[in-house]
Amino acid sequence: MEPKRYVGIDKDINGGMTDTGKIIRDAWVFGLIPESETCEGWLADGIEDLWRRVDAEWEKCGFLVGNLPPDLRAAFMRIHEQALERAKAAGWDAENELAGDELAHRPITAIRKCRRCRSGHPPSTRRSSIPSTAP
């Protein structure tokens, strides 16, 4: 059976407002991948590796946007504001998303505590097309 590949942040559900989308946007902020990289075709292992690298960068600044150097803070604000605009234009609604989180049933296997948001979701899954390593 062919492993599942990520559809790409530009084709992800909810206008890319998923955990995987957040990992990719943060990777853009830190310059880990170019902003043109959508991660289309990546396997879960690749997204997981990217998450680890992003997490290591966030750890350096205490997981706080306010602790980012000015250039990275400006990139963060620009990238995430543009993502919000695109997602809203695609019909995503933050309030409905939050309500859905309370009702969602997720598998408990391999769940790690995310150091960034302190939730127990697996970093490479949660309502997105399951991604992984670059081809």
C-alpha atoms as a PDB file:
ATOM      1  CA  MET A   1       0.000   0.000   0.000  1.00  0.00           C
ATOM      2  CA  GLU A   2       1.297   3.426  -0.976  1.00  0.00           C
ATOM      3  CA  PRO A   3       1.954   5.660   2.065  1.00  0.00           C
ATOM      4  CA  LYS A   4      -0.233   8.745   2.410  1.00  0.00           C
ATOM      5  CA  ARG A   5       1.343  11.933   1.200  1.00  0.00           C
ATOM      6  CA  TYR A   6       0.521  15.447   2.284  1.00  0.00           C
ATOM      7  CA  VAL A   7      -1.611  17.435  -0.154  1.00  0.00           C
ATOM      8  CA  GLY A   8       0.283  20.682   0.425  1.00  0.00           C
ATOM      9  CA  ILE A   9      -0.538  23.656   2.617  1.00  0.00           C
ATOM     10  CA  ASP A  10      -2.191  25.401  -0.323  1.00  0.00           C
ATOM     11  CA  LYS A  11      -4.619  22.473  -0.744  1.00  0.00           C
ATOM     12  CA  ASP A  12      -5.043  21.524   2.931  1.00  0.00           C
ATOM     13  CA  ILE A  13      -8.441  21.660   4.620  1.00  0.00           C
ATOM     14  CA  ASN A  14      -9.593  24.825   6.366  1.00  0.00           C
ATOM     15  CA  GLY A  15      -7.396  26.986   4.183  1.00  0.00           C
ATOM     16  CA  GLY A  16      -4.314  25.425   5.746  1.00  0.00           C
ATOM     17  CA  MET A  17      -5.411  26.209   9.311  1.00  0.00           C
ATOM     18  CA  THR A  18      -4.268  22.857  10.602  1.00  0.00           C
ATOM     19  CA  ASP A  19      -1.417  21.755  12.839  1.00  0.00           C
ATOM     20  CA  THR A  20       0.537  20.736   9.767  1.00  0.00           C
ATOM     21  CA  GLY A  21      -0.127  24.130   8.208  1.00  0.00           C
ATOM     22  CA  LYS A  22       1.144  25.838  11.367  1.00  0.00           C
ATOM     23  CA  ILE A  23       4.333  23.773  11.284  1.00  0.00           C
ATOM     24  CA  ILE A  24       4.923  24.763   7.666  1.00  0.00           C
ATOM     25  CA  ARG A  25       4.216  28.455   8.281  1.00  0.00           C
ATOM     26  CA  ASP A  26       6.571  28.474  11.263  1.00  0.00           C
ATOM     27  CA  ALA A  27       9.225  26.717   9.173  1.00  0.00           C
ATOM     28  CA  TRP A  28       8.884  29.571   6.668  1.00  0.00           C
ATOM     29  CA  VAL A  29       9.306  32.093   9.496  1.00  0.00           C
ATOM     30  CA  PHE A  30      12.534  30.459  10.682  1.00  0.00           C
ATOM     31  CA  GLY A  31      13.842  30.015   7.141  1.00  0.00           C
ATOM     32  CA  LEU A  32      13.926  26.231   7.460  1.00  0.00           C
ATOM     33  CA  ILE A  33      12.165  25.900   4.111  1.00  0.00           C
ATOM     34  CA  PRO A  34      11.464  28.554   1.473  1.00  0.00           C
ATOM     35  CA  GLU A  35       8.039  30.200   1.514  1.00  0.00           C
ATOM     36  CA  SER A  36       7.402  28.660  -1.887  1.00  0.00           C
ATOM     37  CA  GLU A  37       7.613  25.142  -0.345  1.00  0.00           C
ATOM     38  CA  THR A  38       4.085  23.780   0.206  1.00  0.00           C
ATOM     39  CA  CYS A  39       5.329  20.348   1.338  1.00  0.00           C
ATOM     40  CA  GLU A  40       3.068  18.712  -1.239  1.00  0.00           C
ATOM     41  CA  GLY A  41       3.927  15.033  -1.539  1.00  0.00           C
ATOM     42  CA  TRP A  42       5.790  14.830   1.781  1.00  0.00           C
ATOM     43  CA  LEU A  43       5.337  11.773   3.978  1.00  0.00           C
ATOM     44  CA  ALA A  44       4.498  11.949   7.702  1.00  0.00           C
ATOM     45  CA  ASP A  45       8.136  11.386   8.673  1.00  0.00           C
ATOM     46  CA  GLY A  46       9.202  14.512   6.797  1.00  0.00           C
ATOM     47  CA  ILE A  47       6.567  16.692   8.451  1.00  0.00           C
ATOM     48  CA  GLU A  48       7.504  15.178  11.818  1.00  0.00           C
ATOM     49  CA  ASP A  49      11.158  16.045  11.199  1.00  0.00           C
ATOM     50  CA  LEU A  50      10.185  19.572  10.176  1.00  0.00           C
ATOM     51  CA  TRP A  51       8.125  19.890  13.376  1.00  0.00           C
ATOM     52  CA  ARG A  52      11.164  18.894  15.454  1.00  0.00           C
ATOM     53  CA  ARG A  53      13.287  21.519  13.717  1.00  0.00           C
ATOM     54  CA  VAL A  54      10.603  24.191  14.155  1.00  0.00           C
ATOM     55  CA  ASP A  55      10.180  23.203  17.799  1.00  0.00           C
ATOM     56  CA  ALA A  56      13.943  23.574  18.367  1.00  0.00           C
ATOM     57  CA  GLU A  57      13.794  27.108  16.944  1.00  0.00           C
ATOM     58  CA  TRP A  58      10.822  28.039  19.137  1.00  0.00           C
ATOM     59  CA  GLU A  59      12.616  26.644  22.166  1.00  0.00           C
ATOM     60  CA  LYS A  60      15.430  29.173  21.632  1.00  0.00           C
ATOM     61  CA  CYS A  61      12.977  32.029  22.193  1.00  0.00           C
ATOM     62  CA  GLY A  62      10.928  30.420  24.942  1.00  0.00           C
ATOM     63  CA  PHE A  63       8.038  29.620  22.574  1.00  0.00           C
ATOM     64  CA  LEU A  64       7.008  33.296  22.615  1.00  0.00           C
ATOM     65  CA  VAL A  65       6.510  35.429  19.516  1.00  0.00           C
ATOM     66  CA  GLY A  66       7.517  38.472  21.554  1.00  0.00           C
ATOM     67  CA  ASN A  67      10.961  36.947  22.124  1.00  0.00           C
ATOM     68  CA  LEU A  68      11.661  36.578  18.405  1.00  0.00           C
ATOM     69  CA  PRO A  69      14.239  38.940  16.909  1.00  0.00           C
ATOM     70  CA  PRO A  70      12.506  41.858  15.121  1.00  0.00           C
ATOM     71  CA  ASP A  71      13.035  40.425  11.619  1.00  0.00           C
ATOM     72  CA  LEU A  72      11.572  37.042  12.551  1.00  0.00           C
ATOM     73  CA  ARG A  73       8.706  38.665  14.468  1.00  0.00           C
ATOM     74  CA  ALA A  74       7.856  40.738  11.384  1.00  0.00           C
ATOM     75  CA  ALA A  75       8.004  37.608   9.194  1.00  0.00           C
ATOM     76  CA  PHE A  76       5.809  35.732  11.684  1.00  0.00           C
ATOM     77  CA  MET A  77       3.181  38.472  11.667  1.00  0.00           C
ATOM     78  CA  ARG A  78       3.194  38.799   7.871  1.00  0.00           C
ATOM     79  CA  ILE A  79       3.027  35.046   7.192  1.00  0.00           C
ATOM     80  CA  HIS A  80       0.315  34.329   9.755  1.00  0.00           C
ATOM     81  CA  GLU A  81      -1.794  37.375   8.850  1.00  0.00           C
ATOM     82  CA  GLN A  82      -1.714  36.348   5.183  1.00  0.00           C
ATOM     83  CA  ALA A  83      -2.644  32.788   6.181  1.00  0.00           C
ATOM     84  CA  LEU A  84      -5.625  34.044   8.187  1.00  0.00           C
ATOM     85  CA  GLU A  85      -6.826  36.142   5.264  1.00  0.00           C
ATOM     86  CA  ARG A  86      -6.541  33.191   2.835  1.00  0.00           C
ATOM     87  CA  ALA A  87      -8.281  30.813   5.244  1.00  0.00           C
ATOM     88  CA  LYS A  88     -11.144  33.205   5.909  1.00  0.00           C
ATOM     89  CA  ALA A  89     -11.551  33.786   2.168  1.00  0.00           C
ATOM     90  CA  ALA A  90     -11.742  29.996   1.767  1.00  0.00           C
ATOM     91  CA  GLY A  91     -14.568  29.823   4.339  1.00  0.00           C
ATOM     92  CA  TRP A  92     -12.608  28.935   7.488  1.00  0.00           C
ATOM     93  CA  ASP A  93     -14.161  30.235  10.708  1.00  0.00           C
ATOM     94  CA  ALA A  94     -12.053  30.303  13.868  1.00  0.00           C
ATOM     95  CA  GLU A  95     -15.079  30.103  16.168  1.00  0.00           C
ATOM     96  CA  ASN A  96     -16.410  26.980  14.471  1.00  0.00           C
ATOM     97  CA  GLU A  97     -12.938  25.452  14.560  1.00  0.00           C
ATOM     98  CA  LEU A  98     -12.683  25.936  18.320  1.00  0.00           C
ATOM     99  CA  ALA A  99     -16.134  24.433  18.865  1.00  0.00           C
ATOM    100  CA  GLY A 100     -15.166  21.457  16.698  1.00  0.00           C
ATOM    101  CA  ASP A 101     -12.019  20.844  18.729  1.00  0.00           C
ATOM    102  CA  GLU A 102     -14.079  20.224  21.843  1.00  0.00           C
ATOM    103  CA  LEU A 103     -16.117  17.562  20.072  1.00  0.00           C
ATOM    104  CA  ALA A 104     -13.417  15.902  17.997  1.00  0.00           C
ATOM    105  CA  HIS A 105     -12.491  12.319  18.744  1.00  0.00           C
ATOM    106  CA  ARG A 106      -8.847  11.611  18.090  1.00  0.00           C
ATOM    107  CA  PRO A 107      -6.835   8.420  18.400  1.00  0.00           C
ATOM    108  CA  ILE A 108      -4.689   8.316  21.508  1.00  0.00           C
ATOM    109  CA  THR A 109      -1.774   6.445  19.962  1.00  0.00           C
ATOM    110  CA  ALA A 110       1.579   8.175  19.800  1.00  0.00           C
ATOM    111  CA  ILE A 111       0.320  11.400  21.322  1.00  0.00           C
ATOM    112  CA  ARG A 112       3.024  13.699  22.596  1.00  0.00           C
ATOM    113  CA  LYS A 113       2.641  16.912  24.487  1.00  0.00           C
ATOM    114  CA  CYS A 114       3.345  19.774  22.121  1.00  0.00           C
ATOM    115  CA  ARG A 115       5.810  22.069  23.866  1.00  0.00           C
ATOM    116  CA  ARG A 116       4.585  25.065  21.908  1.00  0.00           C
ATOM    117  CA  CYS A 117       0.882  24.996  22.663  1.00  0.00           C
ATOM    118  CA  ARG A 118       0.980  22.515  25.566  1.00  0.00           C
ATOM    119  CA  SER A 119      -1.782  20.380  24.057  1.00  0.00           C
ATOM    120  CA  GLY A 120      -1.630  16.653  23.606  1.00  0.00           C
ATOM    121  CA  HIS A 121      -2.118  16.463  19.847  1.00  0.00           C
ATOM    122  CA  PRO A 122       0.390  14.621  17.693  1.00  0.00           C
ATOM    123  CA  PRO A 123       2.339  17.299  15.841  1.00  0.00           C
ATOM    124  CA  SER A 124       1.955  15.859  12.343  1.00  0.00           C
ATOM    125  CA  THR A 125      -1.728  14.989  12.472  1.00  0.00           C
ATOM    126  CA  ARG A 126      -4.949  16.684  13.516  1.00  0.00           C
ATOM    127  CA  ARG A 127      -7.475  17.379  10.934  1.00  0.00           C
ATOM    128  CA  SER A 128      -5.089  17.643   8.047  1.00  0.00           C
ATOM    129  CA  SER A 129      -4.126  15.364   5.275  1.00  0.00           C
ATOM    130  CA  ILE A 130      -1.473  13.238   6.888  1.00  0.00           C
ATOM    131  CA  PRO A 131       1.936  14.390   5.698  1.00  0.00           C
ATOM    132  CA  SER A 132       5.459  13.090   5.945  1.00  0.00           C
ATOM    133  CA  THR A 133       8.996  13.285   4.623  1.00  0.00           C
ATOM    134  CA  ALA A 134       9.945  14.942   1.411  1.00  0.00           C
ATOM    135  CA  PRO A 135       9.979  12.532  -1.493  1.00  0.00           C
END
